[in-house]
Protein backbone atom coordinates (compact mmCIF):
# COMPACT_ATOMS: atom_id res chain seq x y z
CA MET A 1 -18.03 -56.27 -25.46
CA ALA A 2 -15.09 -53.98 -26.28
CA LYS A 3 -13.78 -51.87 -23.46
CA ARG A 4 -12.37 -48.36 -23.51
CA SER A 5 -9.74 -47.21 -21.10
CA THR A 6 -11.18 -43.79 -20.30
CA THR A 7 -11.84 -41.80 -17.19
CA LYS A 8 -15.35 -41.56 -15.85
CA ARG A 9 -16.42 -38.55 -17.95
CA ASP A 10 -13.83 -38.72 -20.73
CA GLY A 11 -15.52 -38.49 -24.13
CA MET A 12 -19.10 -38.68 -22.83
CA MET A 13 -21.51 -36.90 -25.17
CA THR A 14 -22.79 -33.65 -23.77
CA VAL A 15 -26.22 -32.12 -24.43
CA GLN A 16 -24.51 -29.51 -26.71
CA GLN A 17 -22.80 -32.26 -28.65
CA PHE A 18 -26.10 -34.11 -29.00
CA ARG A 19 -27.81 -31.06 -30.38
CA ALA A 20 -25.01 -30.44 -32.84
CA SER A 21 -25.05 -34.05 -34.07
CA PHE A 22 -28.78 -34.75 -34.04
CA GLY A 23 -30.38 -31.34 -34.21
CA ASN A 24 -32.68 -32.05 -37.19
CA GLU A 25 -34.35 -34.93 -39.05
CA GLN A 26 -31.75 -34.83 -41.83
CA GLN A 27 -28.93 -35.44 -39.33
CA CYS A 28 -30.84 -38.20 -37.58
CA GLY A 29 -31.65 -39.94 -40.84
CA GLU A 30 -28.07 -39.75 -42.03
CA GLN A 31 -26.90 -41.20 -38.73
CA LEU A 32 -29.30 -44.08 -39.07
CA SER A 33 -27.91 -44.67 -42.60
CA ARG A 34 -24.37 -44.76 -41.34
CA GLN A 35 -25.20 -47.27 -38.69
CA ARG A 36 -27.30 -49.50 -40.97
CA TRP A 37 -24.92 -49.35 -43.95
CA PRO A 38 -21.49 -48.53 -42.51
CA GLU A 39 -19.86 -49.19 -45.94
CA GLY A 40 -22.49 -47.12 -47.80
CA PHE A 41 -26.01 -47.81 -48.82
CA LYS A 42 -26.64 -50.87 -51.04
CA CYS A 43 -29.96 -51.44 -52.63
CA PRO A 44 -31.62 -54.57 -51.22
CA ARG A 45 -32.98 -55.36 -54.73
CA CYS A 46 -30.04 -54.84 -57.09
CA GLY A 47 -27.10 -53.82 -54.82
CA GLY A 48 -26.80 -50.41 -56.37
CA PRO A 49 -25.65 -47.20 -54.57
CA SER A 50 -27.85 -44.44 -53.32
CA ARG A 51 -28.82 -41.60 -55.50
CA GLY A 52 -29.36 -39.60 -52.35
CA TYR A 53 -31.17 -39.54 -48.99
CA MET A 54 -34.57 -37.84 -48.94
CA ALA A 55 -35.07 -36.56 -45.42
CA VAL A 56 -38.76 -35.74 -45.81
CA ARG A 57 -39.63 -39.37 -46.63
CA GLN A 58 -36.61 -40.87 -44.77
CA VAL A 59 -35.66 -43.01 -47.74
CA HIS A 60 -32.67 -43.76 -50.01
CA GLU A 61 -33.33 -44.06 -53.72
CA CYS A 62 -31.26 -46.55 -55.63
CA ALA A 63 -29.28 -44.97 -58.44
CA LEU A 64 -29.66 -48.06 -60.66
CA CYS A 65 -33.25 -49.31 -60.29
CA ALA A 66 -34.85 -46.27 -58.50
CA TYR A 67 -36.11 -48.49 -55.62
CA GLN A 68 -36.78 -46.42 -52.58
CA CYS A 69 -35.66 -47.99 -49.28
CA SER A 70 -36.65 -46.53 -45.92
CA VAL A 71 -33.89 -46.13 -43.35
CA THR A 72 -36.38 -46.89 -40.54
CA ALA A 73 -37.78 -50.13 -41.99
CA GLY A 74 -37.08 -53.13 -39.79
CA THR A 75 -36.14 -50.94 -36.78
CA ILE A 76 -37.99 -49.72 -33.74
CA PHE A 77 -38.64 -46.51 -35.66
CA HIS A 78 -40.64 -48.21 -38.42
CA LYS A 79 -43.91 -46.38 -39.24
CA THR A 80 -43.48 -44.03 -36.31
CA ARG A 81 -45.23 -40.66 -36.32
CA THR A 82 -42.79 -39.34 -33.74
CA PRO A 83 -39.87 -37.33 -35.23
CA LEU A 84 -36.54 -39.10 -35.28
CA GLY A 85 -35.04 -36.27 -33.23
CA SER A 86 -37.42 -37.11 -30.39
CA TRP A 87 -36.50 -40.82 -30.63
CA PHE A 88 -32.82 -39.92 -30.52
CA TRP A 89 -33.33 -37.80 -27.44
CA ALA A 90 -35.07 -40.73 -25.72
CA ILE A 91 -32.15 -42.99 -26.67
CA TYR A 92 -29.67 -40.37 -25.41
CA ARG A 93 -31.47 -40.10 -22.08
CA MET A 94 -31.82 -43.86 -21.69
CA SER A 95 -28.14 -44.52 -22.45
CA HIS A 96 -26.49 -41.67 -20.57
CA ASP A 97 -28.55 -41.34 -17.38
CA LYS A 98 -27.81 -44.22 -14.98
CA LYS A 99 -31.26 -43.67 -13.49
CA GLY A 100 -33.02 -43.82 -16.85
CA ILE A 101 -36.01 -41.67 -17.52
CA SER A 102 -39.68 -42.16 -16.74
CA ALA A 103 -42.35 -42.02 -19.43
CA MET A 104 -43.90 -39.02 -17.69
CA GLN A 105 -40.66 -37.10 -17.80
CA LEU A 106 -39.88 -38.01 -21.43
CA ALA A 107 -43.40 -36.91 -22.45
CA LYS A 108 -42.73 -33.49 -20.88
CA GLU A 109 -39.33 -33.09 -22.41
CA ILE A 110 -40.24 -33.86 -26.05
CA GLY A 111 -43.96 -32.75 -25.97
CA ILE A 112 -45.72 -36.05 -26.64
CA SER A 113 -48.53 -37.95 -24.89
CA TYR A 114 -47.78 -40.22 -21.96
CA PRO A 115 -48.85 -43.45 -23.86
CA THR A 116 -46.53 -42.58 -26.78
CA ALA A 117 -43.58 -41.96 -24.41
CA TRP A 118 -44.35 -45.21 -22.56
CA LEU A 119 -44.33 -47.17 -25.80
CA MET A 120 -41.16 -45.50 -27.02
CA LEU A 121 -39.28 -46.44 -23.84
CA HIS A 122 -40.52 -50.03 -23.90
CA LYS A 123 -39.32 -50.34 -27.46
CA ILE A 124 -35.88 -49.17 -26.41
CA ARG A 125 -35.91 -51.57 -23.45
CA LYS A 126 -36.69 -54.35 -25.84
CA ALA A 127 -33.58 -53.45 -27.85
CA MET A 128 -31.52 -53.39 -24.62
CA SER A 129 -32.85 -56.84 -23.57
CA ASP A 130 -32.19 -58.40 -26.99
CA ARG A 131 -28.63 -57.12 -27.16
CA ASP A 132 -27.68 -58.50 -23.76
CA GLN A 133 -28.95 -61.97 -24.70
CA HIS A 134 -25.67 -62.55 -26.57
CA TYR A 135 -23.39 -62.35 -23.53
CA ARG A 136 -22.54 -64.90 -20.83
CA LEU A 137 -20.52 -64.43 -17.67
CA SER A 138 -17.35 -66.38 -16.89
CA GLY A 139 -14.62 -66.86 -14.29
CA LEU A 140 -15.51 -66.34 -10.66
CA VAL A 141 -19.19 -65.45 -10.35
CA GLU A 142 -21.34 -64.50 -7.33
CA VAL A 143 -24.96 -65.67 -7.47
CA ASP A 144 -27.99 -64.86 -5.39
CA GLU A 145 -31.66 -63.92 -5.63
CA GLY A 146 -33.75 -61.11 -4.20
CA TYR A 147 -37.35 -59.92 -4.04
CA VAL A 148 -38.27 -56.79 -5.91
CA GLY A 149 -41.44 -54.69 -5.94
CA GLY A 150 -44.86 -55.27 -4.44
CA GLU A 151 -45.48 -56.41 -0.89
CA GLU A 152 -45.07 -59.67 0.90
CA HIS A 153 -47.72 -61.15 3.15
CA GLY A 154 -46.48 -64.30 4.83
CA GLU A 155 -46.86 -66.16 8.11
CA GLY A 156 -44.28 -64.35 10.24
CA ARG A 157 -41.36 -65.34 7.95
CA ARG A 158 -39.31 -63.59 5.31
CA GLY A 159 -37.22 -64.64 2.36
CA ARG A 160 -37.17 -67.83 0.22
CA GLY A 161 -39.24 -69.95 2.55
CA THR A 162 -42.10 -67.47 3.09
CA ARG A 163 -45.54 -69.01 2.85
CA GLY A 164 -48.66 -67.06 2.08
CA VAL A 165 -49.45 -64.45 -0.59
CA ARG A 166 -46.43 -62.93 -2.29
CA THR A 167 -46.78 -60.02 -4.67
CA LYS A 168 -43.00 -59.44 -4.91
CA SER A 169 -41.08 -60.81 -7.92
CA VAL A 170 -37.90 -62.94 -7.64
CA VAL A 171 -34.84 -61.56 -9.47
CA ALA A 172 -31.83 -63.80 -9.98
CA VAL A 173 -28.48 -61.96 -10.01
CA ALA A 174 -25.03 -63.13 -11.07
CA VAL A 175 -21.92 -60.85 -11.05
CA GLU A 176 -18.38 -61.56 -12.22
CA HIS A 177 -15.31 -60.92 -10.19
CA ARG A 178 -12.65 -59.11 -12.24
CA GLY A 179 -9.17 -59.34 -10.76
CA PRO A 180 -8.00 -58.53 -7.23
CA GLY A 181 -8.76 -54.75 -7.43
CA LYS A 182 -6.47 -52.29 -5.67
CA PRO A 183 -4.19 -53.47 -2.87
CA GLY A 184 -6.27 -54.07 0.24
CA LYS A 185 -9.51 -53.74 -1.71
CA LYS A 186 -12.10 -56.26 -2.72
CA PRO A 187 -12.18 -57.69 -6.30
CA VAL A 188 -13.75 -55.36 -8.79
CA PRO A 189 -17.09 -56.38 -10.36
CA GLY A 190 -17.27 -57.35 -14.04
CA PHE A 191 -20.40 -57.94 -16.03
CA ALA A 192 -23.69 -58.84 -14.44
CA ALA A 193 -26.73 -60.85 -15.41
CA LEU A 194 -30.21 -60.19 -13.96
CA GLU A 195 -33.45 -61.98 -14.73
CA VAL A 196 -36.93 -62.02 -13.30
CA ILE A 197 -37.69 -65.67 -12.44
CA PRO A 198 -40.82 -67.42 -11.20
CA ASP A 199 -39.28 -68.87 -7.99
CA ALA A 200 -35.98 -69.88 -6.37
CA ALA A 201 -36.38 -73.58 -7.09
CA THR A 202 -33.53 -75.79 -8.22
CA GLU A 203 -34.59 -76.13 -11.81
CA THR A 204 -35.27 -72.42 -12.17
CA LEU A 205 -31.86 -71.26 -10.83
CA GLU A 206 -30.03 -73.97 -12.82
CA LYS A 207 -31.65 -72.74 -15.99
CA PHE A 208 -30.78 -69.15 -15.15
CA LEU A 209 -27.10 -70.06 -14.66
CA ALA A 210 -26.99 -72.33 -17.77
CA ASP A 211 -28.32 -69.40 -19.86
CA LYS A 212 -26.19 -66.67 -18.30
CA VAL A 213 -22.90 -68.25 -17.23
CA LYS A 214 -20.36 -70.25 -19.27
CA PRO A 215 -19.74 -73.84 -18.29
CA GLY A 216 -16.63 -74.33 -16.14
CA SER A 217 -17.10 -71.01 -14.29
CA HIS A 218 -16.70 -70.95 -10.53
CA ILE A 219 -20.00 -70.13 -8.79
CA LEU A 220 -19.98 -68.58 -5.36
CA SER A 221 -23.35 -68.95 -3.55
CA ASP A 222 -24.86 -69.22 -0.10
CA GLY A 223 -26.03 -72.56 1.23
CA TRP A 224 -29.46 -72.50 -0.35
CA HIS A 225 -30.35 -76.08 -1.41
CA SER A 226 -31.31 -75.07 -5.00
CA TYR A 227 -27.58 -74.65 -5.80
CA ARG A 228 -26.58 -78.11 -4.58
CA ARG A 229 -26.30 -79.76 -8.11
CA LEU A 230 -24.21 -77.08 -9.81
CA LYS A 231 -21.08 -79.30 -9.96
CA GLN A 232 -23.20 -81.88 -11.80
CA LYS A 233 -24.20 -79.15 -14.25
CA GLY A 234 -20.56 -78.37 -15.28
CA PHE A 235 -19.73 -75.58 -12.83
CA GLU A 236 -17.22 -75.35 -10.09
CA HIS A 237 -19.15 -74.40 -6.95
CA THR A 238 -18.27 -72.99 -3.54
CA ALA A 239 -21.30 -72.70 -1.13
CA THR A 240 -20.98 -70.72 2.13
CA ALA A 241 -23.73 -71.20 4.66
CA ILE A 242 -25.01 -67.94 6.16
CA SER A 243 -25.54 -68.00 9.93
CA ARG A 244 -25.28 -65.63 12.85
CA GLN A 245 -21.75 -66.82 13.44
CA ASN A 246 -20.56 -66.10 9.88
CA ASP A 247 -20.21 -62.81 8.12
CA PRO A 248 -23.56 -61.56 6.81
CA ALA A 249 -24.49 -62.22 3.20
CA HIS A 250 -23.78 -58.71 2.02
CA VAL A 251 -20.17 -59.06 3.26
CA LEU A 252 -19.70 -62.56 1.76
CA PHE A 253 -21.34 -61.75 -1.52
CA PRO A 254 -21.02 -57.97 -1.85
CA TRP A 255 -21.57 -57.47 -5.59
CA VAL A 256 -24.87 -59.25 -5.96
CA HIS A 257 -26.23 -57.37 -2.94
CA ILE A 258 -25.01 -53.97 -4.20
CA THR A 259 -26.54 -54.79 -7.58
CA LEU A 260 -29.91 -55.75 -6.08
CA SER A 261 -29.87 -52.62 -3.92
CA ASN A 262 -29.16 -50.38 -6.90
CA LEU A 263 -31.91 -52.11 -8.89
CA LYS A 264 -34.46 -51.41 -6.17
CA ARG A 265 -33.34 -47.71 -5.93
CA PHE A 266 -33.62 -47.40 -9.72
CA LEU A 267 -37.19 -48.81 -9.81
CA LEU A 268 -38.39 -46.78 -6.86
CA GLY A 269 -36.57 -43.52 -7.58
CA THR A 270 -37.29 -43.33 -11.35
CA HIS A 271 -40.53 -45.23 -11.85
CA HIS A 272 -42.05 -45.41 -8.36
CA LYS A 273 -44.22 -48.38 -9.24
CA VAL A 274 -43.73 -50.95 -11.98
CA GLU A 275 -46.38 -53.46 -13.13
CA GLN A 276 -45.25 -57.03 -12.39
CA LYS A 277 -45.75 -58.16 -15.97
CA HIS A 278 -43.42 -55.50 -17.27
CA LEU A 279 -40.80 -55.77 -14.53
CA LYS A 280 -38.54 -57.88 -16.75
CA HIS A 281 -38.25 -54.98 -19.20
CA TYR A 282 -37.16 -52.55 -16.48
CA VAL A 283 -34.66 -55.13 -15.14
CA ALA A 284 -33.24 -55.55 -18.66
CA GLU A 285 -32.85 -51.77 -18.92
CA PHE A 286 -30.95 -51.62 -15.63
CA ASN A 287 -28.79 -54.63 -16.63
CA TYR A 288 -27.92 -53.13 -19.97
CA ARG A 289 -26.72 -49.83 -18.49
CA LEU A 290 -24.85 -51.61 -15.67
CA ASN A 291 -22.80 -53.63 -18.10
CA ARG A 292 -21.80 -50.54 -20.10
CA ARG A 293 -20.95 -48.29 -17.22
CA THR A 294 -17.30 -48.07 -18.42
CA MET A 295 -18.22 -47.32 -22.03
CA GLU A 296 -19.54 -43.80 -21.77
CA PRO A 297 -17.91 -42.44 -24.97
CA ASP A 298 -19.95 -44.92 -27.04
CA LEU A 299 -23.21 -45.23 -25.10
CA MET A 300 -25.43 -43.33 -27.51
CA VAL A 301 -24.14 -45.10 -30.67
CA ARG A 302 -24.22 -48.53 -29.05
CA LEU A 303 -27.91 -48.18 -28.04
CA LEU A 304 -28.76 -46.73 -31.42
CA ARG A 305 -27.24 -49.82 -33.05
CA ALA A 306 -29.24 -52.06 -30.75
CA CYS A 307 -32.45 -50.22 -31.73
CA ILE A 308 -31.66 -50.77 -35.36
CA CYS A 309 -31.00 -54.48 -35.07
CA THR A 310 -33.89 -55.57 -32.77
CA GLN A 311 -37.32 -56.82 -33.73
CA THR A 312 -39.63 -54.24 -32.25
CA ILE A 313 -42.66 -54.70 -30.00
CA THR A 314 -46.13 -53.18 -30.41
CA TYR A 315 -48.46 -51.46 -27.98
CA LYS A 316 -50.94 -54.35 -28.38
CA GLN A 317 -48.30 -56.91 -27.57
CA LEU A 318 -47.21 -55.02 -24.44
CA VAL A 319 -50.71 -54.54 -22.97
CA ALA A 320 -51.64 -58.13 -23.86
CA MET A 321 -48.81 -59.63 -21.85
CA PRO A 322 -50.04 -61.95 -19.19
CA GLU A 323 -49.31 -61.25 -15.49
CA GLN A 324 -46.20 -63.01 -14.14
CA ALA A 325 -46.80 -65.92 -11.86
C-alpha cells in the first residue's frame, strides 16, 4: 500500500468536491471508464479505441468493429437499477466516514428501499474484503483475540475457557508496531488484520497468523497455550503471561485492545445489531478503513477501484449464507 505524507485533513474530498466530480451519470460513467481503462478504452474484441461513451446506456462503442462494451460489466454495478450517482455516494460515505453508514441511513440519504441499500453496502464490503486479502503484516506484531456481539451464558466464567452457550463470535486481531513513535511514547501502530474465527484453538490461530503475517515476523502474545507452537511455524515469538502481578493485557498489548474496542464501538454505534453470519463482512469493512486511515486524499478512488476489480455477491448468496458456528 502506498502511503501519503499528509496531514489529517489535507486533500480529503469534501461533499462539494464530490458533487462537482460525480454530480451526474455522465461524470460517474466517465470516472468508471478512467479507472477501468487508465490508458484509454480498448475494445475487448478487436482492441480498437472508443467512438464515444454513451451515458444513457453506460457503454463505449468501438470505433473499429462497433462492439458496445458496458463500463459496469464485471463490477459490483453490473445490471444495477440504482443510478451510478447513488452508488458513488455510498462509496464516498463508506470510504470517508470512519464509522461507516448503516443501510437505514443510506436508504434515507439516496431515496431507495432498505433491502436495496443493505445489498449495496454488502457489495461494497465484499470489495473491501477482497482487496485486503492481498496484504500480510510483518515485523513486530501484537496478536490477541476477543469476543464480539451477542451474549455469553457460561458457568460463572468469562473469556477463552468459558463453558456453556456462547452467542458471541471470536475475532482474531494482529497489529504491526511501526517504529518507536515520539520520544517517551509507545510505538505507533501499523497495518492490522482482523478475522472472525470459529474458536481460539491452536490450529485456528496458527492458520490465522499463517494467512495474515509474513514468516519470520516477531509475534507478541499473552501466555495462551494456542500460541505455543509459533516458533515451529516459522515465527519469532515472545509470550507474556498475564497475571495480577503483571501489567494488565491492555497495557502489555495496547494496539490489539484498542483495535478490538474500536471495532465494538463501530458495530454498536453504527449498526446496533449485526447478524452473526454477516459479522465477517462488517469486520472486513472496519479493517479496510483502519488500514487506510492515513490515505484520506485517495480514499474514494481507492475504494472505487476495489469495487471495479472484485467479483460481486448477490442478494440470494447473502441470505443463503449459513450461520457461523
